[in-house]
Amino acid sequence: MILSTIGRTQLGIMIARGDLAIELGSIRMAEIQEEILWVCEAAHVPVIWATQVLETLAKNGINSRPEITDAAMSVRAECVMLNKGPYILDALNVLDSILIRMQEHQHKKSSRLRALKQWSSPSFYKLQDRLLVE
């Protein structure tokens, strides 16, 4: 799906880890999340890191170690989605501090995939678009 839209439309991917855990099970979630990050980086597709990032802090004013680690890993995405709560400004400040520190330690992985080449000619896309309209 990602590869078929490149060059044809604007695209971004939200990694909704709660949905991934439900669909794949919590054991495979981290593995699939990693694969999605790799494919999106190789395809230059922006990623939104979502689902309960610093949620305990935003809602209760208390952070947890797993949420801090999760927020640190979000440095690999182009956007981080926080849920609202009475302590959302505290969560934003903590996230900002974490991301500033992590940018110095973690770089996005280099793509291990070969260079992507156009699979079909531009006229193929025009024909495909016409067929979809008809």
C-alpha atoms as a PDB file:
ATOM      1  CA  MET A   1       0.000   0.000   0.000  1.00  0.00           C
ATOM      2  CA  ILE A   2       2.797   2.425   0.890  1.00  0.00           C
ATOM      3  CA  LEU A   3       4.769   1.706  -2.267  1.00  0.00           C
ATOM      4  CA  SER A   4       1.726   1.979  -4.532  1.00  0.00           C
ATOM      5  CA  THR A   5       0.991   5.563  -3.430  1.00  0.00           C
ATOM      6  CA  ILE A   6       4.510   6.999  -3.716  1.00  0.00           C
ATOM      7  CA  GLY A   7       4.553   9.868  -6.168  1.00  0.00           C
ATOM      8  CA  ARG A   8       0.806   9.761  -6.679  1.00  0.00           C
ATOM      9  CA  THR A   9      -0.564  11.215  -3.481  1.00  0.00           C
ATOM     10  CA  GLN A  10       0.597  12.629  -0.168  1.00  0.00           C
ATOM     11  CA  LEU A  11       0.898   9.986   2.480  1.00  0.00           C
ATOM     12  CA  GLY A  12       1.696   9.688   6.169  1.00  0.00           C
ATOM     13  CA  ILE A  13       1.511   6.650   8.436  1.00  0.00           C
ATOM     14  CA  MET A  14       0.226   6.602  11.998  1.00  0.00           C
ATOM     15  CA  ILE A  15       1.616   3.791  14.088  1.00  0.00           C
ATOM     16  CA  ALA A  16      -1.307   3.149  16.426  1.00  0.00           C
ATOM     17  CA  ARG A  17       0.336   0.649  18.697  1.00  0.00           C
ATOM     18  CA  GLY A  18      -2.855  -0.167  20.594  1.00  0.00           C
ATOM     19  CA  ASP A  19      -4.453  -1.299  17.341  1.00  0.00           C
ATOM     20  CA  LEU A  20      -1.307  -3.220  16.381  1.00  0.00           C
ATOM     21  CA  ALA A  21      -1.366  -5.059  19.713  1.00  0.00           C
ATOM     22  CA  ILE A  22      -5.004  -6.019  19.220  1.00  0.00           C
ATOM     23  CA  GLU A  23      -4.491  -7.188  15.639  1.00  0.00           C
ATOM     24  CA  LEU A  24      -1.109  -8.906  16.040  1.00  0.00           C
ATOM     25  CA  GLY A  25      -0.722  -9.560  19.743  1.00  0.00           C
ATOM     26  CA  SER A  26       1.565  -7.649  22.067  1.00  0.00           C
ATOM     27  CA  ILE A  27       4.523  -9.972  21.425  1.00  0.00           C
ATOM     28  CA  ARG A  28       4.710  -9.103  17.686  1.00  0.00           C
ATOM     29  CA  MET A  29       3.836  -5.426  18.111  1.00  0.00           C
ATOM     30  CA  ALA A  30       7.427  -4.214  18.579  1.00  0.00           C
ATOM     31  CA  GLU A  31       8.658  -6.218  15.595  1.00  0.00           C
ATOM     32  CA  ILE A  32       5.970  -4.906  13.235  1.00  0.00           C
ATOM     33  CA  GLN A  33       6.375  -1.368  14.571  1.00  0.00           C
ATOM     34  CA  GLU A  34      10.065  -1.593  13.669  1.00  0.00           C
ATOM     35  CA  GLU A  35       9.308  -2.872  10.171  1.00  0.00           C
ATOM     36  CA  ILE A  36       6.821  -0.046   9.582  1.00  0.00           C
ATOM     37  CA  LEU A  37       9.441   2.507  10.674  1.00  0.00           C
ATOM     38  CA  TRP A  38      12.011   0.988   8.306  1.00  0.00           C
ATOM     39  CA  VAL A  39       9.687   0.894   5.298  1.00  0.00           C
ATOM     40  CA  CYS A  40       8.480   4.449   5.909  1.00  0.00           C
ATOM     41  CA  GLU A  41      12.017   5.758   6.227  1.00  0.00           C
ATOM     42  CA  ALA A  42      13.085   4.019   3.025  1.00  0.00           C
ATOM     43  CA  ALA A  43      10.053   5.438   1.211  1.00  0.00           C
ATOM     44  CA  HIS A  44      10.420   8.921   2.776  1.00  0.00           C
ATOM     45  CA  VAL A  45       6.954   8.662   4.305  1.00  0.00           C
ATOM     46  CA  PRO A  46       6.398  10.620   7.542  1.00  0.00           C
ATOM     47  CA  VAL A  47       5.379   8.649  10.632  1.00  0.00           C
ATOM     48  CA  ILE A  48       3.112   9.694  13.510  1.00  0.00           C
ATOM     49  CA  TRP A  49       3.982   7.891  16.770  1.00  0.00           C
ATOM     50  CA  ALA A  50       0.681   7.434  18.601  1.00  0.00           C
ATOM     51  CA  THR A  51      -1.184   5.579  21.346  1.00  0.00           C
ATOM     52  CA  GLN A  52      -0.752   6.447  24.990  1.00  0.00           C
ATOM     53  CA  VAL A  53       2.524   8.371  24.742  1.00  0.00           C
ATOM     54  CA  LEU A  54       3.072   9.866  28.233  1.00  0.00           C
ATOM     55  CA  GLU A  55      -0.619   9.248  28.942  1.00  0.00           C
ATOM     56  CA  THR A  56      -0.201   8.720  32.709  1.00  0.00           C
ATOM     57  CA  LEU A  57       1.706  11.990  32.943  1.00  0.00           C
ATOM     58  CA  ALA A  58      -0.849  13.912  30.857  1.00  0.00           C
ATOM     59  CA  LYS A  59      -3.816  12.557  32.823  1.00  0.00           C
ATOM     60  CA  ASN A  60      -2.456  12.089  36.363  1.00  0.00           C
ATOM     61  CA  GLY A  61       0.680  14.227  36.566  1.00  0.00           C
ATOM     62  CA  ILE A  62       2.849  11.173  37.261  1.00  0.00           C
ATOM     63  CA  ASN A  63       5.227   9.653  34.729  1.00  0.00           C
ATOM     64  CA  SER A  64       6.124   5.996  34.467  1.00  0.00           C
ATOM     65  CA  ARG A  65       9.422   4.474  33.366  1.00  0.00           C
ATOM     66  CA  PRO A  66       7.882   2.537  30.456  1.00  0.00           C
ATOM     67  CA  GLU A  67       6.215   5.713  29.163  1.00  0.00           C
ATOM     68  CA  ILE A  68       9.488   7.652  29.379  1.00  0.00           C
ATOM     69  CA  THR A  69      11.263   4.922  27.401  1.00  0.00           C
ATOM     70  CA  ASP A  70       8.408   4.879  24.895  1.00  0.00           C
ATOM     71  CA  ALA A  71       8.628   8.661  24.511  1.00  0.00           C
ATOM     72  CA  ALA A  72      12.384   8.373  23.966  1.00  0.00           C
ATOM     73  CA  MET A  73      11.832   5.905  21.126  1.00  0.00           C
ATOM     74  CA  SER A  74       9.401   8.322  19.484  1.00  0.00           C
ATOM     75  CA  VAL A  75      12.404  10.370  18.314  1.00  0.00           C
ATOM     76  CA  ARG A  76      12.421   8.116  15.245  1.00  0.00           C
ATOM     77  CA  ALA A  77       9.052   9.469  14.076  1.00  0.00           C
ATOM     78  CA  GLU A  78       8.340  12.838  12.484  1.00  0.00           C
ATOM     79  CA  CYS A  79       5.403  13.519  14.812  1.00  0.00           C
ATOM     80  CA  VAL A  80       4.345  12.376  18.294  1.00  0.00           C
ATOM     81  CA  MET A  81       0.679  12.372  19.284  1.00  0.00           C
ATOM     82  CA  LEU A  82      -0.177  13.068  22.913  1.00  0.00           C
ATOM     83  CA  ASN A  83      -3.602  12.544  24.471  1.00  0.00           C
ATOM     84  CA  LYS A  84      -5.140  15.485  26.263  1.00  0.00           C
ATOM     85  CA  GLY A  85      -5.352  15.723  30.023  1.00  0.00           C
ATOM     86  CA  PRO A  86      -5.071  18.222  32.873  1.00  0.00           C
ATOM     87  CA  TYR A  87      -1.254  17.864  32.875  1.00  0.00           C
ATOM     88  CA  ILE A  88      -0.746  18.049  29.116  1.00  0.00           C
ATOM     89  CA  LEU A  89       1.679  20.985  29.383  1.00  0.00           C
ATOM     90  CA  ASP A  90       3.842  18.965  31.784  1.00  0.00           C
ATOM     91  CA  ALA A  91       3.752  16.059  29.330  1.00  0.00           C
ATOM     92  CA  LEU A  92       4.733  18.389  26.476  1.00  0.00           C
ATOM     93  CA  ASN A  93       7.668  19.789  28.446  1.00  0.00           C
ATOM     94  CA  VAL A  94       8.883  16.301  29.388  1.00  0.00           C
ATOM     95  CA  LEU A  95       8.523  15.103  25.788  1.00  0.00           C
ATOM     96  CA  ASP A  96      10.443  18.138  24.516  1.00  0.00           C
ATOM     97  CA  SER A  97      13.249  17.523  27.001  1.00  0.00           C
ATOM     98  CA  ILE A  98      13.454  13.823  26.142  1.00  0.00           C
ATOM     99  CA  LEU A  99      13.457  14.406  22.376  1.00  0.00           C
ATOM    100  CA  ILE A 100      16.155  17.096  22.577  1.00  0.00           C
ATOM    101  CA  ARG A 101      18.398  14.698  24.510  1.00  0.00           C
ATOM    102  CA  MET A 102      17.610  11.682  22.310  1.00  0.00           C
ATOM    103  CA  GLN A 103      18.345  13.513  19.054  1.00  0.00           C
ATOM    104  CA  GLU A 104      21.993  13.603  20.081  1.00  0.00           C
ATOM    105  CA  HIS A 105      22.103   9.863  20.823  1.00  0.00           C
ATOM    106  CA  GLN A 106      19.895   8.227  18.246  1.00  0.00           C
ATOM    107  CA  HIS A 107      19.875   8.595  14.506  1.00  0.00           C
ATOM    108  CA  LYS A 108      17.397   7.066  12.167  1.00  0.00           C
ATOM    109  CA  LYS A 109      18.555   3.801  10.739  1.00  0.00           C
ATOM    110  CA  SER A 110      20.042   3.789   7.293  1.00  0.00           C
ATOM    111  CA  SER A 111      17.917   2.009   4.785  1.00  0.00           C
ATOM    112  CA  ARG A 112      19.108  -1.502   4.056  1.00  0.00           C
ATOM    113  CA  LEU A 113      16.823  -1.825   1.068  1.00  0.00           C
ATOM    114  CA  ARG A 114      18.137  -1.323  -2.421  1.00  0.00           C
ATOM    115  CA  ALA A 115      17.117   1.866  -4.188  1.00  0.00           C
ATOM    116  CA  LEU A 116      13.459   1.847  -5.159  1.00  0.00           C
ATOM    117  CA  LYS A 117      12.798   2.166  -8.871  1.00  0.00           C
ATOM    118  CA  GLN A 118       9.621   2.987 -10.676  1.00  0.00           C
ATOM    119  CA  TRP A 119       7.896  -0.276 -11.487  1.00  0.00           C
ATOM    120  CA  SER A 120       5.623   1.068 -14.218  1.00  0.00           C
ATOM    121  CA  SER A 121       5.688   3.909 -16.668  1.00  0.00           C
ATOM    122  CA  PRO A 122       3.745   7.120 -15.913  1.00  0.00           C
ATOM    123  CA  SER A 123       1.295   6.200 -18.691  1.00  0.00           C
ATOM    124  CA  PHE A 124       0.371   3.094 -16.652  1.00  0.00           C
ATOM    125  CA  TYR A 125      -0.824   5.348 -13.804  1.00  0.00           C
ATOM    126  CA  LYS A 126      -2.861   7.479 -16.208  1.00  0.00           C
ATOM    127  CA  LEU A 127      -4.496   4.341 -17.604  1.00  0.00           C
ATOM    128  CA  GLN A 128      -5.122   3.020 -14.098  1.00  0.00           C
ATOM    129  CA  ASP A 129      -6.711   6.339 -13.037  1.00  0.00           C
ATOM    130  CA  ARG A 130      -8.989   6.292 -16.098  1.00  0.00           C
ATOM    131  CA  LEU A 131     -10.082   2.736 -15.325  1.00  0.00           C
ATOM    132  CA  LEU A 132     -10.907   3.703 -11.742  1.00  0.00           C
ATOM    133  CA  VAL A 133     -13.029   6.637 -12.922  1.00  0.00           C
ATOM    134  CA  GLU A 134     -14.940   4.570 -15.466  1.00  0.00           C
END
